[in-house]
Amino acid sequence: MSKRTLDLVGGLIRQERNRLNTRWRKVSSGTQAVIVLAVLRHDQRLADMAGGNAVSASTVRRWVMEVIRLLSARAPRLDRALKKIARAGGVVVLLDGTLIRTRRRAGKDNRKNYSGKHKSHGLLFLALTDEQGNVIWISAAKPGRSSAITTARHNKITGHLREAGLGALADLGFVGLDDDPDDHPVIVTGRKATRNHQLTDAEREANRLLNRERAAVEHGFANLKSWRCLTKVRMNTRHATTLLRALLVLANTEVQR
């Protein structure tokens, strides 16, 4: 990890300890930052980190939850993220969704997390990136069975784009998202072939050019998923949104170093 990331996490921990007026902790704020980053970056087991630092696994879990809560509070809101892009002279953002896999748990409540598309249990997240592929916003977690276009409508992405004066490039899964595609289009997608209409050469070329411009969004997801705790989320799924937004802040800190 970069020194910038360590300083960021350590500084947040020190500020929180000062706010709580904590008189004594088992380890220093810098050591806690290293332990938490090891868990997030390399998916180190809590018991392993606890045994190496003479604390309990529940203590390490509490440290991790404390840090991701502090980091997620720094994640940008959708409207502010888009206005920042507009002020910087940007005209377009990239929109896509991804499934973050979770453990399969027993019970009916977990059935909604099963994604038929990916044939696994997980949570759906939408993300917006700039043209370089830097993630600027990530949505709240939705069950794995949810569709990307329904999640985008729930987050009112089209309205926020119009308010900021921006457009978005998206894949075929978002066809039909734009509620005003003729007069004021803000969502640009490719063309789908149907049973009665095969794509022309011009439409195929347009799809190819769009996919080339959208390729940067995959780099943004790759930077986010380089945090190996996302290989399979083992914590309670109610904390998944907080975790992803915390990792968004950390990933952007690492990219900008």
C-alpha atoms as a PDB file:
ATOM      1  CA  MET A   1       0.000   0.000   0.000  1.00  0.00           C
ATOM      2  CA  SER A   2       1.090   3.559  -0.647  1.00  0.00           C
ATOM      3  CA  LYS A   3       2.040   5.895   2.182  1.00  0.00           C
ATOM      4  CA  ARG A   4      -0.800   8.170   1.097  1.00  0.00           C
ATOM      5  CA  THR A   5      -3.363   5.441   1.769  1.00  0.00           C
ATOM      6  CA  LEU A   6      -1.816   4.556   5.131  1.00  0.00           C
ATOM      7  CA  ASP A   7      -1.804   8.218   6.149  1.00  0.00           C
ATOM      8  CA  LEU A   8      -5.434   8.607   5.104  1.00  0.00           C
ATOM      9  CA  VAL A   9      -6.666   5.624   7.126  1.00  0.00           C
ATOM     10  CA  GLY A  10      -4.427   6.355  10.104  1.00  0.00           C
ATOM     11  CA  GLY A  11      -5.548   9.977  10.165  1.00  0.00           C
ATOM     12  CA  LEU A  12      -9.224   9.010  10.152  1.00  0.00           C
ATOM     13  CA  ILE A  13      -8.651   6.610  13.035  1.00  0.00           C
ATOM     14  CA  ARG A  14      -6.839   9.273  15.073  1.00  0.00           C
ATOM     15  CA  GLN A  15      -9.630  11.783  14.458  1.00  0.00           C
ATOM     16  CA  GLU A  16     -12.236   9.245  15.559  1.00  0.00           C
ATOM     17  CA  ARG A  17     -10.291   8.420  18.715  1.00  0.00           C
ATOM     18  CA  ASN A  18      -9.990  12.105  19.554  1.00  0.00           C
ATOM     19  CA  ARG A  19     -13.701  12.595  18.947  1.00  0.00           C
ATOM     20  CA  LEU A  20     -14.532   9.714  21.274  1.00  0.00           C
ATOM     21  CA  ASN A  21     -11.896  10.871  23.761  1.00  0.00           C
ATOM     22  CA  THR A  22     -10.460   7.356  23.881  1.00  0.00           C
ATOM     23  CA  ARG A  23      -7.925   7.054  26.675  1.00  0.00           C
ATOM     24  CA  TRP A  24      -6.372   3.712  25.738  1.00  0.00           C
ATOM     25  CA  ARG A  25      -6.285   1.282  22.830  1.00  0.00           C
ATOM     26  CA  LYS A  26      -4.474  -2.017  22.385  1.00  0.00           C
ATOM     27  CA  VAL A  27      -2.516  -0.779  19.342  1.00  0.00           C
ATOM     28  CA  SER A  28      -1.666   2.581  17.811  1.00  0.00           C
ATOM     29  CA  SER A  29      -3.768   4.128  15.053  1.00  0.00           C
ATOM     30  CA  GLY A  30      -1.053   3.361  12.497  1.00  0.00           C
ATOM     31  CA  THR A  31      -0.963  -0.317  13.459  1.00  0.00           C
ATOM     32  CA  GLN A  32      -4.750  -0.521  13.310  1.00  0.00           C
ATOM     33  CA  ALA A  33      -4.627   1.017   9.821  1.00  0.00           C
ATOM     34  CA  VAL A  34      -2.129  -1.606   8.629  1.00  0.00           C
ATOM     35  CA  ILE A  35      -4.216  -4.466  10.064  1.00  0.00           C
ATOM     36  CA  VAL A  36      -7.432  -3.218   8.481  1.00  0.00           C
ATOM     37  CA  LEU A  37      -5.796  -2.604   5.098  1.00  0.00           C
ATOM     38  CA  ALA A  38      -4.319  -6.104   5.165  1.00  0.00           C
ATOM     39  CA  VAL A  39      -7.809  -7.528   5.682  1.00  0.00           C
ATOM     40  CA  LEU A  40      -9.305  -5.422   2.881  1.00  0.00           C
ATOM     41  CA  ARG A  41      -6.481  -5.604   0.360  1.00  0.00           C
ATOM     42  CA  HIS A  42      -5.350  -9.207   0.750  1.00  0.00           C
ATOM     43  CA  ASP A  43      -8.449 -10.751   2.340  1.00  0.00           C
ATOM     44  CA  GLN A  44      -6.479 -11.846   5.394  1.00  0.00           C
ATOM     45  CA  ARG A  45      -8.545 -13.890   7.831  1.00  0.00           C
ATOM     46  CA  LEU A  46      -9.557 -12.102  11.001  1.00  0.00           C
ATOM     47  CA  ALA A  47      -8.269 -14.928  13.190  1.00  0.00           C
ATOM     48  CA  ASP A  48      -4.852 -14.802  11.516  1.00  0.00           C
ATOM     49  CA  MET A  49      -4.524 -11.047  12.029  1.00  0.00           C
ATOM     50  CA  ALA A  50      -5.769 -11.376  15.600  1.00  0.00           C
ATOM     51  CA  GLY A  51      -3.239 -14.072  16.519  1.00  0.00           C
ATOM     52  CA  GLY A  52      -0.358 -12.072  15.103  1.00  0.00           C
ATOM     53  CA  ASN A  53      -1.271  -8.950  17.069  1.00  0.00           C
ATOM     54  CA  ALA A  54      -2.328 -10.450  20.422  1.00  0.00           C
ATOM     55  CA  VAL A  55      -5.972  -9.417  20.121  1.00  0.00           C
ATOM     56  CA  SER A  56      -9.214 -11.294  19.521  1.00  0.00           C
ATOM     57  CA  ALA A  57     -10.864 -11.826  16.152  1.00  0.00           C
ATOM     58  CA  SER A  58     -13.884  -9.822  17.347  1.00  0.00           C
ATOM     59  CA  THR A  59     -11.571  -6.877  18.045  1.00  0.00           C
ATOM     60  CA  VAL A  60     -10.166  -7.009  14.506  1.00  0.00           C
ATOM     61  CA  ARG A  61     -13.714  -7.208  13.143  1.00  0.00           C
ATOM     62  CA  ARG A  62     -14.666  -4.139  15.151  1.00  0.00           C
ATOM     63  CA  TRP A  63     -11.601  -2.275  13.809  1.00  0.00           C
ATOM     64  CA  VAL A  64     -12.515  -3.181  10.231  1.00  0.00           C
ATOM     65  CA  MET A  65     -16.110  -2.051  10.641  1.00  0.00           C
ATOM     66  CA  GLU A  66     -14.960   1.203  12.229  1.00  0.00           C
ATOM     67  CA  VAL A  67     -12.630   2.012   9.340  1.00  0.00           C
ATOM     68  CA  ILE A  68     -15.057   1.173   6.531  1.00  0.00           C
ATOM     69  CA  ARG A  69     -17.678   3.328   8.234  1.00  0.00           C
ATOM     70  CA  LEU A  70     -15.270   6.270   8.385  1.00  0.00           C
ATOM     71  CA  LEU A  71     -14.158   5.788   4.780  1.00  0.00           C
ATOM     72  CA  SER A  72     -17.653   5.330   3.344  1.00  0.00           C
ATOM     73  CA  ALA A  73     -18.651   8.708   4.806  1.00  0.00           C
ATOM     74  CA  ARG A  74     -16.119  10.261   2.386  1.00  0.00           C
ATOM     75  CA  ALA A  75     -17.622   8.600  -0.701  1.00  0.00           C
ATOM     76  CA  PRO A  76     -19.230  11.139  -3.082  1.00  0.00           C
ATOM     77  CA  ARG A  77     -22.962  11.392  -3.598  1.00  0.00           C
ATOM     78  CA  LEU A  78     -24.327  10.937  -7.112  1.00  0.00           C
ATOM     79  CA  ASP A  79     -25.333  14.544  -7.729  1.00  0.00           C
ATOM     80  CA  ARG A  80     -22.070  15.954  -6.370  1.00  0.00           C
ATOM     81  CA  ALA A  81     -19.965  13.501  -8.352  1.00  0.00           C
ATOM     82  CA  LEU A  82     -21.692  14.442 -11.615  1.00  0.00           C
ATOM     83  CA  LYS A  83     -21.467  18.179 -10.947  1.00  0.00           C
ATOM     84  CA  LYS A  84     -17.746  17.782 -10.263  1.00  0.00           C
ATOM     85  CA  ILE A  85     -17.285  16.123 -13.663  1.00  0.00           C
ATOM     86  CA  ALA A  86     -19.274  18.909 -15.326  1.00  0.00           C
ATOM     87  CA  ARG A  87     -17.222  21.644 -13.642  1.00  0.00           C
ATOM     88  CA  ALA A  88     -14.036  19.955 -14.854  1.00  0.00           C
ATOM     89  CA  GLY A  89     -15.282  20.215 -18.440  1.00  0.00           C
ATOM     90  CA  GLY A  90     -16.437  16.614 -18.857  1.00  0.00           C
ATOM     91  CA  VAL A  91     -19.364  15.833 -21.132  1.00  0.00           C
ATOM     92  CA  VAL A  92     -19.891  12.106 -20.641  1.00  0.00           C
ATOM     93  CA  VAL A  93     -19.584   9.391 -17.995  1.00  0.00           C
ATOM     94  CA  LEU A  94     -19.577   5.602 -18.279  1.00  0.00           C
ATOM     95  CA  LEU A  95     -22.326   3.501 -16.689  1.00  0.00           C
ATOM     96  CA  ASP A  96     -22.183  -0.209 -15.926  1.00  0.00           C
ATOM     97  CA  GLY A  97     -23.136  -2.784 -13.319  1.00  0.00           C
ATOM     98  CA  THR A  98     -21.293  -5.637 -11.647  1.00  0.00           C
ATOM     99  CA  LEU A  99     -22.100  -8.560  -9.369  1.00  0.00           C
ATOM    100  CA  ILE A 100     -20.105  -8.895  -6.154  1.00  0.00           C
ATOM    101  CA  ARG A 101     -20.264 -12.523  -5.062  1.00  0.00           C
ATOM    102  CA  THR A 102     -21.306 -13.447  -1.541  1.00  0.00           C
ATOM    103  CA  ARG A 103     -21.451 -16.636   0.450  1.00  0.00           C
ATOM    104  CA  ARG A 104     -24.453 -18.848  -0.074  1.00  0.00           C
ATOM    105  CA  ARG A 105     -26.489 -18.811   3.114  1.00  0.00           C
ATOM    106  CA  ALA A 106     -29.392 -21.029   4.086  1.00  0.00           C
ATOM    107  CA  GLY A 107     -32.904 -19.689   4.283  1.00  0.00           C
ATOM    108  CA  LYS A 108     -35.470 -18.082   2.011  1.00  0.00           C
ATOM    109  CA  ASP A 109     -34.115 -14.573   2.585  1.00  0.00           C
ATOM    110  CA  ASN A 110     -30.951 -15.414   0.662  1.00  0.00           C
ATOM    111  CA  ARG A 111     -32.758 -16.697  -2.439  1.00  0.00           C
ATOM    112  CA  LYS A 112     -33.194 -13.164  -3.751  1.00  0.00           C
ATOM    113  CA  ASN A 113     -29.390 -12.831  -3.905  1.00  0.00           C
ATOM    114  CA  TYR A 114     -29.106 -15.596  -6.500  1.00  0.00           C
ATOM    115  CA  SER A 115     -28.271 -14.248  -9.950  1.00  0.00           C
ATOM    116  CA  GLY A 116     -29.561 -16.405 -12.775  1.00  0.00           C
ATOM    117  CA  LYS A 117     -27.271 -14.578 -15.200  1.00  0.00           C
ATOM    118  CA  HIS A 118     -24.108 -15.358 -13.255  1.00  0.00           C
ATOM    119  CA  LYS A 119     -25.350 -18.613 -11.687  1.00  0.00           C
ATOM    120  CA  SER A 120     -24.130 -17.585  -8.241  1.00  0.00           C
ATOM    121  CA  HIS A 121     -25.164 -15.650  -5.147  1.00  0.00           C
ATOM    122  CA  GLY A 122     -24.192 -12.027  -4.984  1.00  0.00           C
ATOM    123  CA  LEU A 123     -25.175  -8.373  -4.809  1.00  0.00           C
ATOM    124  CA  LEU A 124     -25.638  -6.015  -7.745  1.00  0.00           C
ATOM    125  CA  PHE A 125     -23.921  -2.635  -7.801  1.00  0.00           C
ATOM    126  CA  LEU A 126     -24.011   0.112 -10.412  1.00  0.00           C
ATOM    127  CA  ALA A 127     -21.026   2.379 -10.924  1.00  0.00           C
ATOM    128  CA  LEU A 128     -20.232   5.539 -12.848  1.00  0.00           C
ATOM    129  CA  THR A 129     -16.714   6.294 -14.047  1.00  0.00           C
ATOM    130  CA  ASP A 130     -15.154   9.198 -15.878  1.00  0.00           C
ATOM    131  CA  GLU A 131     -13.746   8.806 -19.381  1.00  0.00           C
ATOM    132  CA  GLN A 132     -10.442   7.517 -17.963  1.00  0.00           C
ATOM    133  CA  GLY A 133     -12.180   4.762 -15.993  1.00  0.00           C
ATOM    134  CA  ASN A 134     -11.868   6.283 -12.504  1.00  0.00           C
ATOM    135  CA  VAL A 135     -14.902   5.273 -10.421  1.00  0.00           C
ATOM    136  CA  ILE A 136     -16.718   8.414  -9.261  1.00  0.00           C
ATOM    137  CA  TRP A 137     -19.858   6.889  -7.708  1.00  0.00           C
ATOM    138  CA  ILE A 138     -21.225   3.524  -6.692  1.00  0.00           C
ATOM    139  CA  SER A 139     -24.817   2.631  -5.875  1.00  0.00           C
ATOM    140  CA  ALA A 140     -26.281   0.920  -2.850  1.00  0.00           C
ATOM    141  CA  ALA A 141     -26.369  -2.873  -2.950  1.00  0.00           C
ATOM    142  CA  LYS A 142     -29.301  -4.599  -4.591  1.00  0.00           C
ATOM    143  CA  PRO A 143     -30.117  -8.348  -4.517  1.00  0.00           C
ATOM    144  CA  GLY A 144     -28.378 -10.371  -7.202  1.00  0.00           C
ATOM    145  CA  ARG A 145     -31.651 -11.151  -8.968  1.00  0.00           C
ATOM    146  CA  SER A 146     -32.227  -7.424  -9.633  1.00  0.00           C
ATOM    147  CA  SER A 147     -31.736  -6.046 -13.130  1.00  0.00           C
ATOM    148  CA  ALA A 148     -29.303  -3.249 -13.870  1.00  0.00           C
ATOM    149  CA  ILE A 149     -31.877  -1.080 -15.639  1.00  0.00           C
ATOM    150  CA  THR A 150     -34.331  -1.301 -12.717  1.00  0.00           C
ATOM    151  CA  THR A 151     -31.565  -0.371 -10.299  1.00  0.00           C
ATOM    152  CA  ALA A 152     -30.632   2.605 -12.490  1.00  0.00           C
ATOM    153  CA  ARG A 153     -34.248   3.796 -12.480  1.00  0.00           C
ATOM    154  CA  HIS A 154     -34.389   3.404  -8.697  1.00  0.00           C
ATOM    155  CA  ASN A 155     -31.342   5.678  -8.364  1.00  0.00           C
ATOM    156  CA  LYS A 156     -32.830   8.222 -10.848  1.00  0.00           C
ATOM    157  CA  ILE A 157     -29.595   8.293 -12.814  1.00  0.00           C
ATOM    158  CA  THR A 158     -31.220   9.786 -15.917  1.00  0.00           C
ATOM    159  CA  GLY A 159     -32.593  12.747 -13.978  1.00  0.00           C
ATOM    160  CA  HIS A 160     -29.280  13.437 -12.278  1.00  0.00           C
ATOM    161  CA  LEU A 161     -27.473  13.341 -15.637  1.00  0.00           C
ATOM    162  CA  ARG A 162     -29.878  15.874 -17.138  1.00  0.00           C
ATOM    163  CA  GLU A 163     -29.511  18.141 -14.118  1.00  0.00           C
ATOM    164  CA  ALA A 164     -25.720  18.066 -14.456  1.00  0.00           C
ATOM    165  CA  GLY A 165     -25.811  18.462 -18.243  1.00  0.00           C
ATOM    166  CA  LEU A 166     -23.953  15.202 -18.890  1.00  0.00           C
ATOM    167  CA  GLY A 167     -24.488  12.084 -20.972  1.00  0.00           C
ATOM    168  CA  ALA A 168     -23.674   8.451 -20.223  1.00  0.00           C
ATOM    169  CA  LEU A 169     -22.396   5.581 -22.341  1.00  0.00           C
ATOM    170  CA  ALA A 170     -23.921   2.219 -21.377  1.00  0.00           C
ATOM    171  CA  ASP A 171     -24.163  -1.334 -22.690  1.00  0.00           C
ATOM    172  CA  LEU A 172     -27.175  -3.116 -24.155  1.00  0.00           C
ATOM    173  CA  GLY A 173     -28.496  -3.958 -20.699  1.00  0.00           C
ATOM    174  CA  PHE A 174     -29.582  -0.321 -20.341  1.00  0.00           C
ATOM    175  CA  VAL A 175     -31.564  -0.063 -23.587  1.00  0.00           C
ATOM    176  CA  GLY A 176     -34.814   1.711 -22.737  1.00  0.00           C
ATOM    177  CA  LEU A 177     -33.476   3.474 -19.630  1.00  0.00           C
ATOM    178  CA  ASP A 178     -33.678   6.947 -21.197  1.00  0.00           C
ATOM    179  CA  ASP A 179     -37.222   8.276 -20.797  1.00  0.00           C
ATOM    180  CA  ASP A 180     -36.742  10.957 -23.476  1.00  0.00           C
ATOM    181  CA  PRO A 181     -34.464   9.427 -26.131  1.00  0.00           C
ATOM    182  CA  ASP A 182     -35.730  11.574 -29.011  1.00  0.00           C
ATOM    183  CA  ASP A 183     -35.663  15.177 -27.768  1.00  0.00           C
ATOM    184  CA  HIS A 184     -33.120  15.164 -24.922  1.00  0.00           C
ATOM    185  CA  PRO A 185     -31.177  11.860 -24.924  1.00  0.00           C
ATOM    186  CA  VAL A 186     -28.665  11.361 -22.118  1.00  0.00           C
ATOM    187  CA  ILE A 187     -28.138   7.571 -22.231  1.00  0.00           C
ATOM    188  CA  VAL A 188     -26.259   6.295 -25.278  1.00  0.00           C
ATOM    189  CA  THR A 189     -26.432   2.542 -25.888  1.00  0.00           C
ATOM    190  CA  GLY A 190     -25.774   0.236 -28.799  1.00  0.00           C
ATOM    191  CA  ARG A 191     -28.342  -1.291 -31.126  1.00  0.00           C
ATOM    192  CA  LYS A 192     -29.837  -4.730 -30.526  1.00  0.00           C
ATOM    193  CA  ALA A 193     -30.504  -7.246 -33.255  1.00  0.00           C
ATOM    194  CA  THR A 194     -34.013  -8.717 -33.269  1.00  0.00           C
ATOM    195  CA  ARG A 195     -35.672 -11.610 -35.038  1.00  0.00           C
ATOM    196  CA  ASN A 196     -37.062  -9.256 -37.668  1.00  0.00           C
ATOM    197  CA  HIS A 197     -34.125  -6.861 -37.899  1.00  0.00           C
ATOM    198  CA  GLN A 198     -30.518  -7.850 -38.329  1.00  0.00           C
ATOM    199  CA  LEU A 199     -27.900  -5.211 -37.658  1.00  0.00           C
ATOM    200  CA  THR A 200     -26.523  -3.372 -40.640  1.00  0.00           C
ATOM    201  CA  ASP A 201     -22.820  -2.850 -41.175  1.00  0.00           C
ATOM    202  CA  ALA A 202     -23.180   0.756 -40.001  1.00  0.00           C
ATOM    203  CA  GLU A 203     -24.935  -0.336 -36.794  1.00  0.00           C
ATOM    204  CA  ARG A 204     -22.277  -2.956 -36.082  1.00  0.00           C
ATOM    205  CA  GLU A 205     -19.581  -0.334 -36.566  1.00  0.00           C
ATOM    206  CA  ALA A 206     -21.420   2.056 -34.228  1.00  0.00           C
ATOM    207  CA  ASN A 207     -21.628  -0.685 -31.586  1.00  0.00           C
ATOM    208  CA  ARG A 208     -17.928  -1.404 -31.977  1.00  0.00           C
ATOM    209  CA  LEU A 209     -17.001   2.264 -31.517  1.00  0.00           C
ATOM    210  CA  LEU A 210     -19.266   2.553 -28.473  1.00  0.00           C
ATOM    211  CA  ASN A 211     -17.742  -0.553 -26.877  1.00  0.00           C
ATOM    212  CA  ARG A 212     -14.276   0.849 -27.484  1.00  0.00           C
ATOM    213  CA  GLU A 213     -15.162   4.034 -25.604  1.00  0.00           C
ATOM    214  CA  ARG A 214     -16.814   2.009 -22.818  1.00  0.00           C
ATOM    215  CA  ALA A 215     -13.779  -0.208 -22.265  1.00  0.00           C
ATOM    216  CA  ALA A 216     -12.444   2.197 -19.625  1.00  0.00           C
ATOM    217  CA  VAL A 217     -15.285   1.303 -17.251  1.00  0.00           C
ATOM    218  CA  GLU A 218     -13.868  -2.222 -16.971  1.00  0.00           C
ATOM    219  CA  HIS A 219     -10.566  -0.742 -15.789  1.00  0.00           C
ATOM    220  CA  GLY A 220     -12.482   1.066 -13.050  1.00  0.00           C
ATOM    221  CA  PHE A 221     -14.072  -2.179 -11.876  1.00  0.00           C
ATOM    222  CA  ALA A 222     -10.668  -3.891 -12.041  1.00  0.00           C
ATOM    223  CA  ASN A 223      -9.164  -1.246  -9.728  1.00  0.00           C
ATOM    224  CA  LEU A 224     -12.047  -1.736  -7.318  1.00  0.00           C
ATOM    225  CA  LYS A 225     -11.861  -5.533  -7.378  1.00  0.00           C
ATOM    226  CA  SER A 226      -8.097  -5.510  -6.827  1.00  0.00           C
ATOM    227  CA  TRP A 227      -9.158  -5.333  -3.175  1.00  0.00           C
ATOM    228  CA  ARG A 228      -9.358  -9.070  -2.685  1.00  0.00           C
ATOM    229  CA  CYS A 229     -11.977  -8.935   0.054  1.00  0.00           C
ATOM    230  CA  LEU A 230     -14.416  -8.551  -2.872  1.00  0.00           C
ATOM    231  CA  THR A 231     -13.494 -11.969  -4.251  1.00  0.00           C
ATOM    232  CA  LYS A 232     -16.325 -13.254  -2.093  1.00  0.00           C
ATOM    233  CA  VAL A 233     -17.886 -11.055   0.583  1.00  0.00           C
ATOM    234  CA  ARG A 234     -18.104 -13.041   3.802  1.00  0.00           C
ATOM    235  CA  MET A 235     -19.431 -10.328   6.102  1.00  0.00           C
ATOM    236  CA  ASN A 236     -23.132  -9.727   6.618  1.00  0.00           C
ATOM    237  CA  THR A 237     -24.640  -8.420   3.390  1.00  0.00           C
ATOM    238  CA  ARG A 238     -26.192  -5.447   5.174  1.00  0.00           C
ATOM    239  CA  HIS A 239     -22.668  -4.002   5.398  1.00  0.00           C
ATOM    240  CA  ALA A 240     -21.914  -4.498   1.690  1.00  0.00           C
ATOM    241  CA  THR A 241     -22.848  -0.960   0.620  1.00  0.00           C
ATOM    242  CA  THR A 242     -20.629   0.551   3.302  1.00  0.00           C
ATOM    243  CA  LEU A 243     -17.786  -1.774   2.291  1.00  0.00           C
ATOM    244  CA  LEU A 244     -17.990  -0.923  -1.433  1.00  0.00           C
ATOM    245  CA  ARG A 245     -18.092   2.808  -0.817  1.00  0.00           C
ATOM    246  CA  ALA A 246     -15.122   2.565   1.531  1.00  0.00           C
ATOM    247  CA  LEU A 247     -13.180   0.649  -1.115  1.00  0.00           C
ATOM    248  CA  LEU A 248     -14.135   3.296  -3.676  1.00  0.00           C
ATOM    249  CA  VAL A 249     -12.354   5.899  -1.553  1.00  0.00           C
ATOM    250  CA  LEU A 250      -9.309   3.648  -1.078  1.00  0.00           C
ATOM    251  CA  ALA A 251      -9.131   2.675  -4.762  1.00  0.00           C
ATOM    252  CA  ASN A 252      -9.233   6.309  -5.870  1.00  0.00           C
ATOM    253  CA  THR A 253      -6.536   7.168  -3.333  1.00  0.00           C
ATOM    254  CA  GLU A 254      -4.283   4.446  -4.759  1.00  0.00           C
ATOM    255  CA  VAL A 255      -4.926   5.492  -8.369  1.00  0.00           C
ATOM    256  CA  GLN A 256      -4.159   9.151  -7.651  1.00  0.00           C
ATOM    257  CA  ARG A 257      -0.926   8.538  -5.777  1.00  0.00           C
END
